[in-house]
C-alpha atoms as a PDB file:
ATOM      1  CA  MET A   1     -52.595   8.007 -16.395  1.00  0.00           C
ATOM      2  CA  PRO A   2     -49.344   8.533 -18.275  1.00  0.00           C
ATOM      3  CA  GLY A   3     -49.554  10.036 -21.751  1.00  0.00           C
ATOM      4  CA  PRO A   4     -48.386   8.447 -24.923  1.00  0.00           C
ATOM      5  CA  PRO A   5     -44.644   7.898 -25.445  1.00  0.00           C
ATOM      6  CA  ALA A   6     -42.742  10.581 -27.275  1.00  0.00           C
ATOM      7  CA  VAL A   7     -42.161   8.371 -30.344  1.00  0.00           C
ATOM      8  CA  LEU A   8     -44.521   5.621 -31.324  1.00  0.00           C
ATOM      9  CA  GLN A   9     -43.326   2.837 -33.665  1.00  0.00           C
ATOM     10  CA  VAL A  10     -45.793   1.723 -36.275  1.00  0.00           C
ATOM     11  CA  GLN A  11     -44.725  -1.963 -36.025  1.00  0.00           C
ATOM     12  CA  ASP A  12     -45.961  -2.049 -32.404  1.00  0.00           C
ATOM     13  CA  ILE A  13     -49.309  -0.420 -33.174  1.00  0.00           C
ATOM     14  CA  MET A  14     -50.208  -1.615 -36.689  1.00  0.00           C
ATOM     15  CA  PRO A  15     -47.886  -4.465 -37.858  1.00  0.00           C
ATOM     16  CA  HIS A  16     -49.767  -4.869 -41.123  1.00  0.00           C
ATOM     17  CA  LEU A  17     -48.111  -1.644 -42.345  1.00  0.00           C
ATOM     18  CA  VAL A  18     -44.627  -3.122 -42.094  1.00  0.00           C
ATOM     19  CA  HIS A  19     -43.855  -5.277 -45.136  1.00  0.00           C
ATOM     20  CA  HIS A  20     -41.225  -7.885 -45.483  1.00  0.00           C
ATOM     21  CA  GLN A  21     -40.395  -9.090 -49.067  1.00  0.00           C
ATOM     22  CA  GLU A  22     -38.713 -12.285 -50.232  1.00  0.00           C
ATOM     23  CA  ARG A  23     -35.558 -11.850 -52.329  1.00  0.00           C
ATOM     24  CA  ALA A  24     -34.060 -14.685 -54.455  1.00  0.00           C
ATOM     25  CA  GLU A  25     -30.304 -15.179 -54.382  1.00  0.00           C
ATOM     26  CA  VAL A  26     -28.328 -15.175 -57.537  1.00  0.00           C
ATOM     27  CA  GLY A  27     -27.724 -18.721 -58.833  1.00  0.00           C
ATOM     28  CA  GLY A  28     -31.007 -20.111 -57.715  1.00  0.00           C
ATOM     29  CA  GLY A  29     -30.186 -20.439 -54.060  1.00  0.00           C
ATOM     30  CA  ARG A  30     -32.701 -20.228 -51.190  1.00  0.00           C
ATOM     31  CA  SER A  31     -34.635 -16.931 -50.936  1.00  0.00           C
ATOM     32  CA  GLN A  32     -33.897 -14.825 -47.864  1.00  0.00           C
ATOM     33  CA  PRO A  33     -36.144 -12.223 -46.347  1.00  0.00           C
ATOM     34  CA  GLU A  34     -35.254  -8.703 -47.351  1.00  0.00           C
ATOM     35  CA  ALA A  35     -34.538  -6.155 -44.607  1.00  0.00           C
ATOM     36  CA  PRO A  36     -37.568  -4.286 -43.316  1.00  0.00           C
ATOM     37  CA  ALA A  37     -38.377  -0.937 -45.059  1.00  0.00           C
ATOM     38  CA  ALA A  38     -36.588   2.062 -43.796  1.00  0.00           C
ATOM     39  CA  VAL A  39     -38.376   3.700 -40.909  1.00  0.00           C
ATOM     40  CA  ASN A  40     -38.948   7.491 -41.181  1.00  0.00           C
ATOM     41  CA  ARG A  41     -39.933   9.806 -38.383  1.00  0.00           C
ATOM     42  CA  VAL A  42     -42.904  12.138 -38.893  1.00  0.00           C
ATOM     43  CA  SER A  43     -43.206  15.121 -36.525  1.00  0.00           C
ATOM     44  CA  PHE A  44     -46.391  17.043 -36.017  1.00  0.00           C
ATOM     45  CA  SER A  45     -45.414  20.441 -34.615  1.00  0.00           C
ATOM     46  CA  ILE A  46     -48.716  21.830 -33.249  1.00  0.00           C
ATOM     47  CA  GLN A  47     -49.189  18.977 -30.825  1.00  0.00           C
ATOM     48  CA  ASP A  48     -45.472  18.063 -30.438  1.00  0.00           C
ATOM     49  CA  ARG A  49     -46.083  14.401 -31.490  1.00  0.00           C
ATOM     50  CA  GLN A  50     -43.813  12.050 -33.457  1.00  0.00           C
ATOM     51  CA  VAL A  51     -44.273   8.621 -35.007  1.00  0.00           C
ATOM     52  CA  GLU A  52     -41.979   6.329 -36.889  1.00  0.00           C
ATOM     53  CA  VAL A  53     -43.601   4.894 -40.066  1.00  0.00           C
ATOM     54  CA  PRO A  54     -42.331   2.872 -43.164  1.00  0.00           C
ATOM     55  CA  GLN A  55     -41.737   4.500 -46.555  1.00  0.00           C
ATOM     56  CA  GLY A  56     -45.041   4.989 -48.451  1.00  0.00           C
ATOM     57  CA  THR A  57     -47.255   5.772 -45.380  1.00  0.00           C
ATOM     58  CA  THR A  58     -49.521   8.714 -45.914  1.00  0.00           C
ATOM     59  CA  LEU A  59     -49.368  11.660 -43.584  1.00  0.00           C
ATOM     60  CA  LEU A  60     -52.961  11.007 -42.643  1.00  0.00           C
ATOM     61  CA  GLU A  61     -52.083   7.454 -41.569  1.00  0.00           C
ATOM     62  CA  ALA A  62     -49.129   8.757 -39.671  1.00  0.00           C
ATOM     63  CA  ALA A  63     -51.254  11.333 -37.904  1.00  0.00           C
ATOM     64  CA  ARG A  64     -53.741   8.661 -36.782  1.00  0.00           C
ATOM     65  CA  LEU A  65     -50.917   6.535 -35.510  1.00  0.00           C
ATOM     66  CA  ALA A  66     -49.424   9.467 -33.546  1.00  0.00           C
ATOM     67  CA  GLY A  67     -52.874  10.270 -32.022  1.00  0.00           C
ATOM     68  CA  VAL A  68     -53.312  13.458 -34.022  1.00  0.00           C
ATOM     69  CA  HIS A  69     -56.930  13.935 -35.114  1.00  0.00           C
ATOM     70  CA  LEU A  70     -57.019  15.586 -38.507  1.00  0.00           C
ATOM     71  CA  ASN A  71     -60.186  16.578 -40.126  1.00  0.00           C
ATOM     72  CA  ALA A  72     -60.624  14.150 -43.059  1.00  0.00           C
ATOM     73  CA  SER A  73     -64.332  13.944 -43.718  1.00  0.00           C
ATOM     74  CA  CYS A  74     -63.781  12.037 -46.997  1.00  0.00           C
ATOM     75  CA  ASN A  75     -61.838   9.446 -44.881  1.00  0.00           C
ATOM     76  CA  GLY A  76     -58.591   9.840 -46.954  1.00  0.00           C
ATOM     77  CA  LYS A  77     -60.002   9.739 -50.433  1.00  0.00           C
ATOM     78  CA  GLY A  78     -58.694  13.217 -51.398  1.00  0.00           C
ATOM     79  CA  SER A  79     -62.047  14.704 -52.184  1.00  0.00           C
ATOM     80  CA  CYS A  80     -62.773  17.109 -49.255  1.00  0.00           C
ATOM     81  CA  GLY A  81     -59.440  18.994 -48.885  1.00  0.00           C
ATOM     82  CA  LYS A  82     -59.785  19.366 -45.168  1.00  0.00           C
ATOM     83  CA  CYS A  83     -56.600  17.473 -44.204  1.00  0.00           C
ATOM     84  CA  ARG A  84     -54.229  20.380 -45.204  1.00  0.00           C
ATOM     85  CA  LEU A  85     -50.890  20.406 -43.636  1.00  0.00           C
ATOM     86  CA  VAL A  86     -47.873  22.654 -44.203  1.00  0.00           C
ATOM     87  CA  VAL A  87     -44.616  20.704 -44.915  1.00  0.00           C
ATOM     88  CA  GLU A  88     -41.716  22.315 -43.078  1.00  0.00           C
ATOM     89  CA  SER A  89     -39.103  19.738 -44.041  1.00  0.00           C
ATOM     90  CA  GLY A  90     -38.857  16.321 -45.609  1.00  0.00           C
ATOM     91  CA  ASP A  91     -39.329  14.396 -48.815  1.00  0.00           C
ATOM     92  CA  LEU A  92     -42.939  13.474 -49.794  1.00  0.00           C
ATOM     93  CA  ASP A  93     -44.592  11.980 -52.866  1.00  0.00           C
ATOM     94  CA  THR A  94     -47.671  14.147 -53.331  1.00  0.00           C
ATOM     95  CA  SER A  95     -50.488  13.834 -55.777  1.00  0.00           C
ATOM     96  CA  SER A  96     -51.626  17.000 -57.480  1.00  0.00           C
ATOM     97  CA  THR A  97     -55.151  18.156 -56.575  1.00  0.00           C
ATOM     98  CA  ALA A  98     -57.399  20.990 -57.565  1.00  0.00           C
ATOM     99  CA  LEU A  99     -58.263  21.383 -53.917  1.00  0.00           C
ATOM    100  CA  LEU A 100     -55.082  23.379 -53.265  1.00  0.00           C
ATOM    101  CA  SER A 101     -54.438  26.694 -54.967  1.00  0.00           C
ATOM    102  CA  GLU A 102     -51.088  27.598 -56.514  1.00  0.00           C
ATOM    103  CA  GLY A 103     -50.467  29.999 -53.656  1.00  0.00           C
ATOM    104  CA  GLU A 104     -51.079  27.281 -51.071  1.00  0.00           C
ATOM    105  CA  ARG A 105     -48.771  24.880 -52.810  1.00  0.00           C
ATOM    106  CA  ALA A 106     -46.122  27.568 -52.949  1.00  0.00           C
ATOM    107  CA  ARG A 107     -46.418  27.967 -49.163  1.00  0.00           C
ATOM    108  CA  GLY A 108     -45.951  24.262 -48.648  1.00  0.00           C
ATOM    109  CA  TYR A 109     -49.450  23.069 -48.222  1.00  0.00           C
ATOM    110  CA  VAL A 110     -50.327  19.465 -49.047  1.00  0.00           C
ATOM    111  CA  LEU A 111     -53.236  17.085 -48.362  1.00  0.00           C
ATOM    112  CA  ALA A 112     -52.343  14.600 -45.688  1.00  0.00           C
ATOM    113  CA  CYS A 113     -54.234  11.858 -47.395  1.00  0.00           C
ATOM    114  CA  GLN A 114     -52.519  12.330 -50.746  1.00  0.00           C
ATOM    115  CA  SER A 115     -48.925  12.697 -49.403  1.00  0.00           C
ATOM    116  CA  ARG A 116     -46.700   9.783 -48.831  1.00  0.00           C
ATOM    117  CA  VAL A 117     -43.372   9.656 -46.916  1.00  0.00           C
ATOM    118  CA  VAL A 118     -40.543   8.915 -49.344  1.00  0.00           C
ATOM    119  CA  THR A 119     -37.243   8.914 -47.478  1.00  0.00           C
ATOM    120  CA  GLY A 120     -35.941  10.540 -44.319  1.00  0.00           C
ATOM    121  CA  ASP A 121     -37.669  12.405 -41.626  1.00  0.00           C
ATOM    122  CA  VAL A 122     -40.611  14.756 -42.238  1.00  0.00           C
ATOM    123  CA  ALA A 123     -41.832  17.667 -40.163  1.00  0.00           C
ATOM    124  CA  VAL A 124     -45.303  19.172 -40.691  1.00  0.00           C
ATOM    125  CA  ARG A 125     -47.279  22.028 -39.144  1.00  0.00           C
ATOM    126  CA  ILE A 126     -51.039  21.507 -38.713  1.00  0.00           C
ATOM    127  CA  PRO A 127     -53.113  24.610 -39.429  1.00  0.00           C
ATOM    128  CA  GLU A 128     -55.888  25.135 -36.859  1.00  0.00           C
ATOM    129  CA  GLU A 129     -58.622  24.558 -39.490  1.00  0.00           C
ATOM    130  CA  ALA A 130     -57.272  20.999 -40.157  1.00  0.00           C
ATOM    131  CA  LEU A 131     -57.672  19.743 -36.603  1.00  0.00           C
ATOM    132  CA  GLU A 132     -60.637  17.747 -35.965  1.00  0.00           C
ATOM    133  CA  ARG A 133     -62.844  19.300 -33.384  1.00  0.00           C
ATOM    134  CA  ARG A 134     -64.654  16.874 -31.067  1.00  0.00           C
ATOM    135  CA  PRO A 135     -67.214  18.648 -28.886  1.00  0.00           C
ATOM    136  CA  PRO A 136     -67.053  17.484 -25.265  1.00  0.00           C
ATOM    137  CA  VAL A 137     -69.832  15.143 -24.269  1.00  0.00           C
ATOM    138  CA  PRO A 138     -71.931  16.826 -21.716  1.00  0.00           C
ATOM    139  CA  ALA A 139     -72.211  15.104 -18.299  1.00  0.00           C
ATOM    140  CA  LEU A 140     -75.583  13.824 -17.229  1.00  0.00           C
ATOM    141  CA  PRO A 141     -77.079  15.414 -14.098  1.00  0.00           C
ATOM    142  CA  PRO A 142     -77.086  13.194 -11.000  1.00  0.00           C
ATOM    143  CA  CYS A 143     -80.130  11.118 -10.783  1.00  0.00           C
ATOM    144  CA  SER A 144     -81.901  11.509  -7.444  1.00  0.00           C
ATOM    145  CA  ALA A 145     -85.143   9.753  -8.366  1.00  0.00           C
ATOM    146  CA  ARG A 146     -85.558   6.096  -9.021  1.00  0.00           C
ATOM    147  CA  PRO A 147     -86.350   5.175 -12.638  1.00  0.00           C
ATOM    148  CA  ALA A 148     -90.055   4.816 -13.318  1.00  0.00           C
ATOM    149  CA  TRP A 149     -89.603   1.197 -14.550  1.00  0.00           C
ATOM    150  CA  ILE A 150     -88.367  -0.014 -11.177  1.00  0.00           C
ATOM    151  CA  PHE A 151     -91.280  -1.162  -8.887  1.00  0.00           C
ATOM    152  CA  PRO A 152     -91.022  -0.970  -5.113  1.00  0.00           C
END
């Protein structure tokens, strides 16, 4: 089975994230749809994944679209602090939080759920502790006996 494409486009996966706005012409003419929002590429270095998203998308949403499973036990509310990422390049709008120390902020740490893509491409590094760990599901042993509820 082939893996995901190198770059996923958000309008193909979640079209509700791509917004089109109406713009009125000067002089009261008919309104015309405005051009779609600029598309920005977000790169996740630890898993070598990229996704294209519109301006205003959080890094947590971008990670989910790219198939990167971040630990976000609060589901993006900004209350757990587990979705920490290190911004290597790019322009983000980030909310301040008491969940990051001054030292972490100085080293480029942000919370993925509280950081939105502003313009241009963004590259982030995912610390090991931010990756969601999903334990493997153990395989059931082969069943050689018939179930007790089946009568001969």
